[in-house]
Protein backbone atom coordinates (compact mmCIF):
# COMPACT_ATOMS: atom_id res chain seq x y z
CA MET A 1 29.37 -18.07 11.05
CA MET A 2 26.02 -17.45 9.35
CA THR A 3 24.15 -18.24 12.58
CA LYS A 4 26.34 -15.82 14.53
CA ALA A 5 25.75 -13.13 11.90
CA VAL A 6 21.98 -13.61 12.12
CA LYS A 7 22.08 -13.47 15.91
CA SER A 8 24.19 -10.31 15.81
CA LEU A 9 21.73 -8.75 13.36
CA ALA A 10 18.81 -9.65 15.65
CA ASP A 11 20.51 -8.06 18.65
CA ARG A 12 21.35 -4.85 16.76
CA LEU A 13 17.85 -4.44 15.34
CA ALA A 14 16.18 -5.25 18.67
CA SER A 15 18.33 -2.69 20.49
CA SER A 16 17.18 0.36 18.51
CA PRO A 17 13.92 1.37 16.82
CA ARG A 18 15.94 3.72 14.64
CA ARG A 19 18.10 0.88 13.29
CA LEU A 20 15.03 -1.24 12.66
CA TRP A 21 13.31 1.62 10.82
CA LEU A 22 16.36 2.20 8.64
CA ALA A 23 16.68 -1.50 7.83
CA ALA A 24 12.98 -1.83 7.00
CA PHE A 25 13.07 1.38 4.94
CA ALA A 26 16.09 0.20 2.94
CA LEU A 27 14.44 -3.14 2.16
CA LEU A 28 11.06 -1.64 1.28
CA PHE A 29 12.65 1.05 -0.88
CA ALA A 30 14.68 -1.60 -2.73
CA LEU A 31 11.44 -3.50 -3.44
CA SER A 32 9.46 -0.42 -4.49
CA ALA A 33 12.31 1.12 -6.49
CA SER A 34 12.74 -2.16 -8.36
CA TRP A 35 9.17 -1.76 -9.61
CA SER A 36 9.91 1.90 -10.42
CA LEU A 37 12.87 1.11 -12.64
CA ALA A 38 11.77 -2.26 -14.06
CA SER A 39 8.37 -1.03 -15.32
CA PRO A 40 8.24 0.70 -18.74
CA THR A 41 7.01 4.28 -18.86
CA GLY A 42 3.23 4.27 -18.87
CA ALA A 43 2.99 0.62 -17.79
CA SER A 44 0.85 1.20 -14.72
CA PRO A 45 -2.82 2.20 -14.40
CA ASP A 46 -3.46 5.79 -15.54
CA GLU A 47 0.11 6.74 -14.69
CA TYR A 48 0.37 9.23 -17.53
CA ALA A 49 -2.50 11.25 -16.01
CA HIS A 50 -0.78 11.31 -12.61
CA LEU A 51 2.63 12.19 -14.06
CA ILE A 52 1.04 15.12 -15.91
CA ARG A 53 -0.74 16.23 -12.73
CA ALA A 54 2.49 15.98 -10.70
CA ALA A 55 4.52 17.98 -13.22
CA ALA A 56 1.79 20.65 -13.43
CA VAL A 57 1.46 21.05 -9.65
CA ALA A 58 5.25 21.32 -9.32
CA ARG A 59 5.08 24.22 -11.81
CA GLY A 60 2.38 25.99 -9.82
CA GLN A 61 -0.52 24.87 -12.03
CA VAL A 62 -2.68 23.53 -9.22
CA ASP A 63 -5.84 24.29 -11.21
CA GLY A 64 -6.34 24.49 -14.93
CA LYS A 65 -8.87 24.99 -17.67
CA GLU A 66 -11.60 22.33 -17.91
CA VAL A 67 -11.53 20.49 -21.23
CA MET A 68 -14.14 17.93 -22.32
CA VAL A 69 -12.31 14.97 -23.90
CA PRO A 70 -14.16 12.12 -25.67
CA HIS A 71 -13.34 8.59 -24.49
CA VAL A 72 -14.63 5.07 -24.99
CA VAL A 73 -14.22 2.92 -21.88
CA GLY A 74 -15.51 -0.63 -21.93
CA TYR A 75 -17.65 0.12 -25.01
CA ILE A 76 -19.27 3.03 -23.13
CA LYS A 77 -18.99 6.42 -24.78
CA ALA A 78 -18.13 9.34 -22.52
CA GLU A 79 -16.86 12.88 -22.40
CA PHE A 80 -14.45 13.22 -19.50
CA ALA A 81 -13.98 16.59 -17.82
CA GLU A 82 -10.19 16.82 -17.80
CA THR A 83 -7.88 19.62 -16.67
CA GLY A 84 -5.76 21.40 -19.26
CA VAL A 85 -2.24 22.50 -18.26
CA GLU A 86 0.79 23.90 -20.11
CA LEU A 87 3.70 21.46 -20.10
CA PRO A 88 6.62 20.43 -22.35
CA PRO A 89 5.45 18.39 -25.39
CA ILE A 90 6.96 15.17 -24.01
CA TYR A 91 3.98 14.99 -21.62
CA GLN A 92 1.60 14.91 -24.58
CA ASP A 93 3.66 12.08 -26.12
CA LEU A 94 3.51 10.27 -22.77
CA LYS A 95 -0.25 9.75 -23.20
CA THR A 96 0.21 7.48 -26.22
CA VAL A 97 3.60 5.88 -25.56
CA ASN A 98 2.09 2.63 -24.29
CA GLU A 99 -0.66 2.13 -26.88
CA CYS A 100 1.14 -0.66 -28.73
CA TYR A 101 1.39 -3.05 -25.76
CA VAL A 102 -1.21 -2.07 -23.12
CA PHE A 103 -4.01 -4.66 -23.04
CA HIS A 104 -1.85 -6.84 -25.30
CA PRO A 105 0.07 -8.94 -22.76
CA GLU A 106 1.60 -11.06 -25.50
CA LYS A 107 3.54 -7.99 -26.74
CA ALA A 108 6.76 -6.78 -25.16
CA ALA A 109 7.26 -3.09 -24.37
CA ASP A 110 9.97 -2.68 -27.02
CA CYS A 111 7.31 -1.57 -29.51
CA ALA A 112 6.84 1.72 -27.63
CA PRO A 113 8.36 4.78 -29.34
CA ALA A 114 11.23 6.60 -27.67
CA LEU A 115 10.36 9.75 -25.72
CA HIS A 116 12.43 12.84 -26.48
CA GLU A 117 12.45 16.27 -24.87
CA LYS A 118 11.26 19.07 -27.19
CA PRO A 119 11.39 22.85 -26.72
CA GLY A 120 8.38 24.95 -25.75
CA THR A 121 5.10 24.02 -24.05
CA THR A 122 1.73 22.74 -25.20
CA LEU A 123 -1.73 22.19 -23.72
CA VAL A 124 -1.94 18.74 -22.11
CA THR A 125 -5.01 17.37 -20.39
CA THR A 126 -5.21 15.07 -17.36
CA ALA A 127 -8.10 13.24 -15.73
CA ALA A 128 -6.34 13.63 -12.34
CA GLY A 129 -6.72 17.42 -12.23
CA ARG A 130 -9.42 17.28 -9.54
CA TYR A 131 -7.26 15.33 -7.07
CA HIS A 132 -5.79 17.00 -3.98
CA PRO A 133 -2.38 18.51 -4.93
CA ALA A 134 -0.34 17.53 -1.84
CA TYR A 135 0.85 14.13 -3.09
CA TYR A 136 1.54 15.46 -6.57
CA PHE A 137 3.75 18.27 -5.31
CA ALA A 138 5.72 15.79 -3.17
CA VAL A 139 6.52 13.58 -6.17
CA GLY A 140 6.47 16.16 -9.00
CA TRP A 141 9.32 18.49 -8.05
CA PRO A 142 12.07 16.35 -9.68
CA SER A 143 10.57 17.25 -13.08
CA LEU A 144 11.80 20.82 -12.46
CA VAL A 145 15.47 19.82 -12.26
CA VAL A 146 15.60 16.73 -14.52
CA HIS A 147 14.02 16.57 -17.97
CA GLY A 148 12.96 13.89 -20.40
CA GLU A 149 12.10 10.32 -19.48
CA ASN A 150 14.53 10.42 -16.53
CA ALA A 151 12.14 12.81 -14.80
CA PHE A 152 9.40 10.17 -14.91
CA TYR A 153 11.67 7.62 -13.22
CA LEU A 154 12.68 10.12 -10.54
CA MET A 155 9.04 10.94 -9.81
CA ARG A 156 8.39 7.22 -9.38
CA LEU A 157 11.33 6.95 -6.99
CA MET A 158 9.97 9.83 -4.91
CA SER A 159 6.66 8.01 -4.56
CA ALA A 160 8.54 4.83 -3.64
CA LEU A 161 10.49 6.75 -0.99
CA ILE A 162 7.33 8.19 0.62
CA CYS A 163 5.53 4.84 0.69
CA SER A 164 8.60 2.99 2.02
CA ALA A 165 8.94 5.49 4.89
CA LEU A 166 5.29 4.99 5.88
CA VAL A 167 5.47 1.18 5.84
CA ALA A 168 8.85 1.16 7.62
CA SER A 169 7.14 3.00 10.49
CA ALA A 170 4.45 0.29 10.43
CA VAL A 171 7.19 -2.35 10.74
CA VAL A 172 8.57 -0.61 13.85
CA SER A 173 5.06 -0.57 15.35
CA ALA A 174 4.73 -4.28 14.63
CA ALA A 175 8.08 -4.94 16.32
CA GLU A 176 6.93 -3.28 19.56
CA TRP A 177 4.61 -6.18 20.46
CA ARG A 178 5.93 -8.89 22.77
CA ARG A 179 5.75 -11.75 20.23
CA ARG A 180 6.92 -9.77 17.27
CA SER A 181 6.95 -12.59 14.73
CA PHE A 182 3.13 -12.65 14.60
CA THR A 183 2.68 -8.93 14.12
CA LEU A 184 5.61 -8.57 11.71
CA LEU A 185 4.20 -11.38 9.58
CA GLY A 186 0.83 -9.61 9.56
CA THR A 187 2.44 -6.39 8.31
CA ILE A 188 4.49 -8.19 5.64
CA THR A 189 1.37 -10.04 4.47
CA ALA A 190 -0.43 -6.70 4.12
CA ALA A 191 2.35 -5.42 1.80
CA THR A 192 1.35 -7.59 -1.16
CA PRO A 193 3.24 -7.57 -4.47
CA MET A 194 0.45 -5.36 -5.86
CA ALA A 195 0.97 -2.91 -2.99
CA LEU A 196 4.71 -2.78 -3.69
CA PHE A 197 4.00 -2.27 -7.40
CA MET A 198 1.74 0.68 -6.61
CA PHE A 199 4.40 2.09 -4.25
CA GLY A 200 6.84 2.17 -7.15
CA VAL A 201 4.75 4.12 -9.67
CA VAL A 202 3.16 7.56 -9.65
CA ASN A 203 -0.36 6.86 -8.48
CA PRO A 204 -2.15 8.06 -5.31
CA SER A 205 -3.19 4.48 -4.60
CA GLY A 206 0.41 3.81 -3.50
CA PRO A 207 0.59 6.20 -0.52
CA GLU A 208 -3.07 5.48 0.24
CA ILE A 209 -2.26 1.77 0.72
CA ALA A 210 0.96 2.55 2.62
CA ALA A 211 -0.87 4.94 4.95
CA GLY A 212 -3.55 2.30 5.49
CA ILE A 213 -0.90 -0.19 6.62
CA LEU A 214 0.56 2.41 9.01
CA VAL A 215 -2.83 3.39 10.47
CA TRP A 216 -3.74 -0.22 11.23
CA SER A 217 -0.27 -1.10 12.55
CA ALA A 218 -0.14 1.92 14.87
CA GLY A 219 -3.80 2.06 15.90
CA LEU A 220 -4.25 -1.53 17.05
CA PRO A 221 -1.37 -1.65 19.59
CA LEU A 222 -2.38 1.79 20.85
CA LEU A 223 -5.57 0.27 22.31
CA MET A 224 -4.93 -3.50 22.33
CA ASN A 225 -1.43 -3.50 23.80
CA PRO A 226 -1.04 -0.16 25.60
CA ASP A 227 2.30 1.01 26.89
CA PRO A 228 2.69 4.51 28.42
CA TYR A 229 6.29 4.79 27.18
CA LEU A 230 5.26 4.15 23.57
CA LEU A 231 1.98 6.05 23.57
CA ASN A 232 3.17 9.36 22.08
CA ARG A 233 5.18 7.62 19.39
CA ARG A 234 2.26 5.44 18.38
CA LEU A 235 -0.02 8.47 18.35
CA ALA A 236 2.44 10.25 16.03
CA ARG A 237 2.51 7.32 13.62
CA LEU A 238 -1.27 7.05 13.68
CA GLY A 239 -1.57 10.79 13.09
CA ILE A 240 0.87 10.81 10.18
CA GLY A 241 -0.92 7.87 8.59
CA ALA A 242 -4.27 9.59 9.05
CA LEU A 243 -3.06 12.86 7.49
CA VAL A 244 -1.73 11.05 4.42
CA LEU A 245 -4.81 8.84 4.09
CA ILE A 246 -7.27 11.72 4.38
CA ASN A 247 -5.36 14.07 2.08
CA ILE A 248 -5.10 11.57 -0.77
CA ARG A 249 -8.87 11.62 -1.32
CA PRO A 250 -11.99 12.02 0.85
CA LEU A 251 -12.58 8.26 0.82
CA GLY A 252 -9.53 8.02 3.08
CA LEU A 253 -11.67 9.32 5.93
CA ILE A 254 -13.80 6.17 5.67
CA TRP A 255 -10.71 3.92 5.68
CA PHE A 256 -9.33 5.73 8.72
CA ALA A 257 -12.67 5.51 10.55
CA GLY A 258 -12.80 1.77 9.82
CA ALA A 259 -9.36 1.17 11.32
CA VAL A 260 -10.22 3.20 14.43
CA PHE A 261 -13.54 1.37 14.83
CA PHE A 262 -11.90 -2.06 14.90
CA ALA A 263 -9.16 -0.82 17.24
CA LEU A 264 -11.86 0.40 19.64
CA LEU A 265 -13.72 -2.90 19.33
CA LEU A 266 -10.59 -4.81 20.37
CA SER A 267 -9.33 -2.31 22.96
CA ARG A 268 -8.37 -3.21 26.51
CA LYS A 269 -10.33 -1.78 29.38
CA GLY A 270 -9.06 1.67 30.27
CA ALA A 271 -6.82 2.00 27.19
CA LEU A 272 -9.01 4.62 25.50
CA ARG A 273 -9.15 6.69 28.70
CA GLU A 274 -5.35 6.76 28.86
CA VAL A 275 -5.12 7.80 25.20
CA LEU A 276 -7.63 10.62 25.63
CA ARG A 277 -5.65 12.02 28.56
CA ARG A 278 -2.66 12.80 26.38
CA ARG A 279 -2.23 16.22 24.79
CA MET A 280 -0.77 14.56 21.72
CA THR A 281 -4.12 12.86 21.10
CA TRP A 282 -5.90 16.19 20.87
CA LEU A 283 -3.13 17.77 18.81
CA TRP A 284 -3.26 15.01 16.20
CA GLY A 285 -7.05 15.05 16.39
CA VAL A 286 -7.12 18.75 15.51
CA LEU A 287 -4.69 18.17 12.63
CA ALA A 288 -6.82 15.29 11.34
CA LEU A 289 -9.96 17.43 11.51
CA ALA A 290 -8.19 20.25 9.66
CA ALA A 291 -7.04 17.78 7.00
CA THR A 292 -10.58 16.43 6.70
CA GLY A 293 -11.99 19.91 6.26
CA SER A 294 -9.36 20.76 3.67
CA ALA A 295 -9.92 17.54 1.72
CA LEU A 296 -13.71 17.94 1.73
CA ALA A 297 -13.43 21.61 0.71
CA TRP A 298 -11.11 20.71 -2.16
CA SER A 299 -13.41 17.89 -3.32
CA SER A 300 -16.57 20.02 -3.17
CA SER A 301 -14.89 22.86 -5.10
CA HIS A 302 -13.70 20.51 -7.86
CA PRO A 303 -16.78 18.55 -8.98
CA ASP A 304 -16.66 16.07 -11.84
CA HIS A 305 -18.59 17.33 -14.89
CA SER A 306 -17.93 14.24 -17.00
CA VAL A 307 -20.80 12.93 -19.12
CA ILE A 308 -20.91 9.13 -19.39
CA ASP A 309 -23.50 7.38 -21.53
CA THR A 310 -24.04 4.33 -19.35
CA PRO A 311 -26.47 1.64 -20.60
CA SER A 312 -30.03 1.82 -19.27
CA ASP A 313 -29.82 -1.77 -18.03
CA LEU A 314 -26.84 -0.95 -15.76
CA THR A 315 -29.05 -0.75 -12.67
CA PRO A 316 -27.86 -0.74 -9.05
CA MET A 317 -29.06 -4.34 -8.63
CA TYR A 318 -27.19 -5.50 -11.74
CA ALA A 319 -24.04 -3.69 -10.57
CA ALA A 320 -24.30 -5.23 -7.10
CA ARG A 321 -24.64 -8.77 -8.49
CA ALA A 322 -21.81 -8.29 -10.98
CA THR A 323 -19.56 -6.92 -8.24
CA PHE A 324 -20.29 -9.90 -5.99
CA ASP A 325 -19.52 -12.29 -8.85
CA ASN A 326 -16.23 -10.46 -9.51
CA GLY A 327 -15.03 -10.95 -5.92
CA MET A 328 -12.34 -13.45 -6.93
CA MET A 329 -10.99 -11.06 -9.56
CA TYR A 330 -10.77 -8.23 -7.01
CA MET A 331 -8.88 -10.55 -4.66
CA LYS A 332 -6.36 -11.29 -7.41
CA GLN A 333 -6.02 -7.57 -8.09
CA MET A 334 -5.14 -6.93 -4.43
CA ILE A 335 -2.37 -9.55 -4.48
CA GLY A 336 -0.81 -9.22 -7.92
CA TYR A 337 -2.38 -7.99 -11.16
CA PHE A 338 0.22 -5.69 -12.65
CA GLY A 339 0.43 -3.26 -15.56
CA TRP A 340 -2.97 -2.16 -16.79
CA LEU A 341 -4.45 -5.31 -15.22
CA ASP A 342 -2.86 -7.34 -18.01
CA ALA A 343 -0.08 -9.15 -16.10
CA LEU A 344 -1.37 -11.61 -13.51
CA ALA A 345 0.99 -12.97 -10.87
CA PRO A 346 1.63 -16.75 -10.97
CA ALA A 347 -0.84 -19.07 -9.29
CA ALA A 348 1.70 -19.89 -6.56
CA THR A 349 1.77 -16.22 -5.48
CA LEU A 350 -2.01 -16.07 -5.21
CA LEU A 351 -2.25 -19.42 -3.38
CA VAL A 352 0.55 -18.79 -0.87
CA TRP A 353 -0.51 -15.20 -0.11
CA CYS A 354 -4.14 -16.23 0.40
CA GLY A 355 -2.98 -19.26 2.40
CA VAL A 356 -0.95 -17.18 4.87
CA ALA A 357 -3.75 -14.60 5.28
CA ILE A 358 -6.38 -17.33 5.79
CA ALA A 359 -4.11 -19.20 8.23
CA LEU A 360 -3.70 -16.05 10.34
CA ALA A 361 -7.47 -15.56 10.35
CA MET A 362 -8.26 -19.18 11.22
CA VAL A 363 -5.71 -19.36 14.03
CA ALA A 364 -7.01 -16.06 15.40
CA LEU A 365 -10.58 -17.37 15.35
CA CYS A 366 -9.57 -20.61 17.08
CA TYR A 367 -8.45 -18.65 20.15
CA ALA A 368 -10.68 -15.61 19.72
CA ARG A 369 -13.02 -14.17 22.29
CA PHE A 370 -16.39 -12.83 21.18
CA ARG A 371 -15.19 -9.32 20.31
CA ASP A 372 -12.17 -10.75 18.47
CA ALA A 373 -14.36 -13.01 16.35
CA LEU A 374 -16.76 -10.12 15.74
CA ALA A 375 -13.88 -7.94 14.51
CA VAL A 376 -12.53 -10.59 12.12
CA ALA A 377 -16.01 -11.32 10.76
CA GLY A 378 -16.73 -7.60 10.46
CA ALA A 379 -13.56 -6.97 8.44
CA VAL A 380 -14.35 -9.84 6.08
CA VAL A 381 -17.93 -8.64 5.63
CA GLY A 382 -16.64 -5.12 4.98
CA MET A 383 -14.31 -6.39 2.26
CA VAL A 384 -17.30 -7.99 0.53
CA VAL A 385 -19.92 -5.31 1.13
CA ILE A 386 -17.95 -2.09 0.50
CA PRO A 387 -17.29 -2.79 -3.22
CA ILE A 388 -20.90 -3.89 -3.71
CA VAL A 389 -22.30 -0.70 -2.16
CA ALA A 390 -19.78 1.49 -4.00
CA GLN A 391 -20.54 -0.04 -7.38
CA ALA A 392 -24.31 -0.14 -6.86
CA THR A 393 -24.39 3.58 -6.11
CA GLN A 394 -21.87 4.72 -8.72
CA ALA A 395 -22.23 2.31 -11.66
CA PRO A 396 -25.39 3.92 -13.16
CA LYS A 397 -23.41 7.21 -13.43
CA LEU A 398 -19.82 6.07 -14.01
CA GLY A 399 -20.00 2.47 -15.20
CA MET A 400 -18.32 -0.57 -13.63
CA ILE A 401 -15.06 1.02 -12.56
CA TRP A 402 -14.14 -0.76 -9.31
CA GLN A 403 -10.68 -2.33 -8.96
CA GLY A 404 -9.25 -4.39 -6.14
CA ARG A 405 -6.61 -1.79 -5.24
CA TYR A 406 -9.32 0.70 -4.28
CA LEU A 407 -10.19 -1.48 -1.27
CA MET A 408 -6.62 -2.17 -0.15
CA PRO A 409 -6.31 0.66 2.44
CA PHE A 410 -9.06 -1.18 4.34
CA ALA A 411 -8.24 -4.79 3.39
CA VAL A 412 -4.64 -4.53 4.67
CA GLY A 413 -6.15 -4.40 8.16
CA LEU A 414 -7.32 -8.03 8.07
CA PRO A 415 -3.91 -9.77 8.32
CA ILE A 416 -2.59 -7.06 10.66
CA MET A 417 -5.59 -7.41 12.98
CA CYS A 418 -5.57 -11.23 12.89
CA ALA A 419 -1.87 -11.24 13.75
CA ALA A 420 -2.56 -8.92 16.70
CA ILE A 421 -5.32 -11.23 17.96
CA CYS A 422 -2.96 -14.22 17.66
CA HIS A 423 -0.41 -12.28 19.69
CA GLU A 424 -2.90 -11.56 22.46
CA ARG A 425 -4.73 -14.90 22.66
CA LEU A 426 -2.38 -17.73 21.69
CA PRO A 427 -0.75 -19.56 24.62
CA TRP A 428 3.01 -19.52 25.04
CA GLY A 429 4.60 -22.81 24.01
CA GLY A 430 2.81 -26.02 23.06
CA PHE A 431 3.37 -25.61 19.32
CA ALA A 432 6.20 -24.64 16.99
CA TRP A 433 4.68 -21.24 16.24
CA ARG A 434 8.00 -19.61 15.45
CA ARG A 435 8.92 -22.26 12.88
CA LEU A 436 5.52 -21.89 11.20
CA LEU A 437 5.84 -18.10 11.10
CA VAL A 438 9.36 -18.25 9.65
CA ILE A 439 8.24 -20.71 6.96
CA SER A 440 5.31 -18.42 6.15
CA GLY A 441 7.57 -15.38 5.88
CA PHE A 442 10.06 -17.04 3.57
CA SER A 443 7.26 -18.54 1.46
CA LEU A 444 5.87 -15.03 0.94
CA ALA A 445 9.34 -13.83 -0.10
CA LEU A 446 9.70 -16.62 -2.65
CA VAL A 447 6.33 -16.05 -4.33
CA ASN A 448 6.84 -12.26 -4.13
CA ALA A 449 10.00 -12.65 -6.23
CA ALA A 450 8.09 -14.97 -8.59
CA ALA A 451 5.42 -12.29 -9.10
CA PHE A 452 8.13 -9.75 -9.96
CA LEU A 453 9.65 -12.20 -12.47
CA TRP A 454 6.24 -12.77 -14.09
CA ALA A 455 5.73 -9.02 -14.49
CA LEU A 456 9.25 -8.65 -15.89
CA ARG A 457 8.59 -11.36 -18.44
CA ARG A 458 5.37 -9.67 -19.56
CA ASN A 459 7.25 -6.40 -20.24
CA THR A 460 10.49 -7.83 -21.68
CA VAL A 461 9.30 -10.66 -23.94
CA GLY A 462 5.51 -10.75 -23.57
CA SER A 463 3.44 -13.07 -21.39
CA GLY A 464 3.97 -15.95 -23.81
CA GLY A 465 7.75 -15.50 -23.94
CA PRO A 466 10.37 -17.68 -22.24
CA LEU A 467 10.45 -17.64 -18.45
CA LEU A 468 14.22 -17.20 -18.45
CA ILE A 469 13.78 -14.01 -20.53
CA SER A 470 16.29 -14.60 -23.30
CA PRO A 471 16.65 -12.65 -25.45
CA ALA A 472 15.02 -9.62 -23.83
CA LEU A 473 13.21 -7.43 -26.37
CA TRP A 474 12.85 -4.61 -23.85
CA ALA A 475 15.08 -4.08 -20.83
CA PRO A 476 14.94 -1.67 -17.87
CA PRO A 477 17.96 0.50 -17.00
CA GLY A 478 20.71 -1.84 -15.80
CA GLY A 479 19.04 -4.93 -17.25
CA TRP A 480 16.25 -7.16 -16.00
CA ALA A 481 18.57 -9.56 -14.13
CA LEU A 482 19.88 -6.77 -11.88
CA TRP A 483 16.42 -5.74 -10.67
CA LEU A 484 15.27 -9.33 -10.25
CA ALA A 485 18.30 -9.95 -8.01
CA VAL A 486 17.73 -6.73 -6.02
CA TYR A 487 14.04 -7.52 -5.57
CA THR A 488 14.66 -11.13 -4.52
CA VAL A 489 17.33 -10.20 -1.96
CA ALA A 490 15.13 -7.43 -0.51
CA ALA A 491 12.07 -9.71 -0.33
CA PHE A 492 14.00 -12.35 1.61
CA GLY A 493 15.61 -9.63 3.74
CA LEU A 494 12.18 -8.37 4.77
CA SER A 495 11.08 -11.89 5.69
CA LEU A 496 14.32 -12.31 7.67
CA LEU A 497 12.91 -9.76 10.13
CA VAL A 498 10.28 -12.36 11.07
CA ALA A 499 12.95 -15.04 11.45
CA VAL A 500 15.23 -13.05 13.77
CA SER A 501 12.64 -11.08 15.73
CA ASP A 502 11.58 -13.74 18.23
CA ARG A 503 15.01 -15.11 19.02
CA ARG A 504 15.00 -13.95 22.65
CA GLU A 505 11.29 -13.61 23.37
CA ARG A 506 9.89 -14.87 26.64
CA PRO A 507 6.63 -14.21 28.52
CA LEU A 508 6.84 -10.79 30.17
CA PRO A 509 6.93 -11.14 33.97
CA GLN A 510 4.53 -9.17 36.13
CA SER A 511 6.51 -6.31 37.65
CA SER A 512 5.37 -4.28 40.62
CA GLY A 513 7.59 -1.45 39.40
CA ALA A 514 5.98 -1.25 35.97
CA VAL A 515 4.34 1.96 34.88
CA GLY A 516 0.65 1.27 34.39
CA LYS A 517 -1.19 -1.85 33.34
CA GLY A 518 0.12 -1.75 29.78
CA ALA A 519 3.73 -1.88 30.96
CA ALA A 520 2.99 -4.86 33.19
CA GLU A 521 1.04 -6.90 30.65
CA GLY A 522 1.82 -5.61 27.20
CA SER A 523 4.48 -4.95 24.67
CA PRO A 524 8.21 -5.07 25.10
CA ARG A 525 9.76 -1.70 24.62
CA LEU A 526 12.67 -1.97 22.25
CA ALA A 527 15.87 -1.04 24.01
CA GLY A 528 16.41 2.63 23.63
CA THR A 529 12.69 3.24 23.31
CA HIS A 530 12.98 6.83 24.51
CA SER A 531 14.95 7.73 21.39
CA GLU A 532 12.91 8.84 18.40
CA ALA A 533 12.25 6.49 15.48
């Protein structure tokens, strides 16, 4: 009965991109929303600043009065140029609600004072006031209709919804390749527990990472596995991902350019010419240019006037060496380092996630042609060099501020690209590839759930508390067991897409009636491909 149910599910998902998108969206939203509701208020990096910014933008306060606020960050004294806005007093209380447990992983979140709505407004400052307002308006509007702490949870859920929609579109792009298990596994590997955590809180890193996954997932098949029937849809996904990525912050333009560069490096002969012939290409190109101009104009008109007293010995060379030495820490932060970087995922999560990503890269290199190997090596070098260059140029002014999540919109491309190379180069048959991919997918689901449990333990009983979380000193709405169950089921459900996707795959025959080279050699169009997804 179970086998028949799985087969029926495979047939239904394979027959409609819309059904696949809805299924992927539901699973991703369950994962992201679990982080939204199972994380205490203020338990994610700088979230209070982003919540204040979102609430202010929703109330029409896109700009505000500049206020110099003294801070001490990493023993470095500074005066940050923050933006002052008028909001209900609960937003001022939000800034200190987490002080008793942040950076104290042994303490549960039950020590935090309760947040209560109070009448009137007060001046509240935020360090996120210079960021582009688009994302903040999209997530901030619930604060106009719901008040108190519930508004913070609803804003998180809006961010989770946006990110889940973007990555669900990436899943559909991955499913349009002929051997879908490879490309689906690459996309799932890119959506690390840290990525899902960021999806579920109010922080622009969440949609930035989600848009990065979509740009890589849509851009690579556009040029590596061309199909005239899917071209406009892939262009639309690439364009949407680009608009989100660029509008989050100007650095998104670099991440987008990187994804396009590697897609061009791996492109089939004639694929770019076919793309450039489409009107949709030029339409999305104009929109991307307009978004770039808008983002750059916003950034240039909102400079940072902060004054940071960095040590004289914090030279570019010192920063570069320290950044290189911290490479392992940044890797951990990309996979699972939750809260305010005070809740590390278990070792099994780090080992399995790295193992799957490395396995994809090694198998891709075993069968790679020169350009394939150059692309994989280039992505790895970029992941090492970009943080070094960024820190070396910025550390003397801002201090050592780099975190692993800042690189994720680019780093997500490595497993996605390696999976695409495996799809194109590996021979059919000769090895139990499908079994290996299914095992990899379910292993990722298991350690993903373990990472969520570890983060739950840190918040409910402290990092030194019992693994079975009893008794819970702090509990999310509905209880910790509910969200652990939801997260675990959704994680295995997402991996099930890898298990069922290749059930009926066969090498695509050469057809004289095919439309163009891509249709003869490339991806399978999901049944019903002319319907929108």
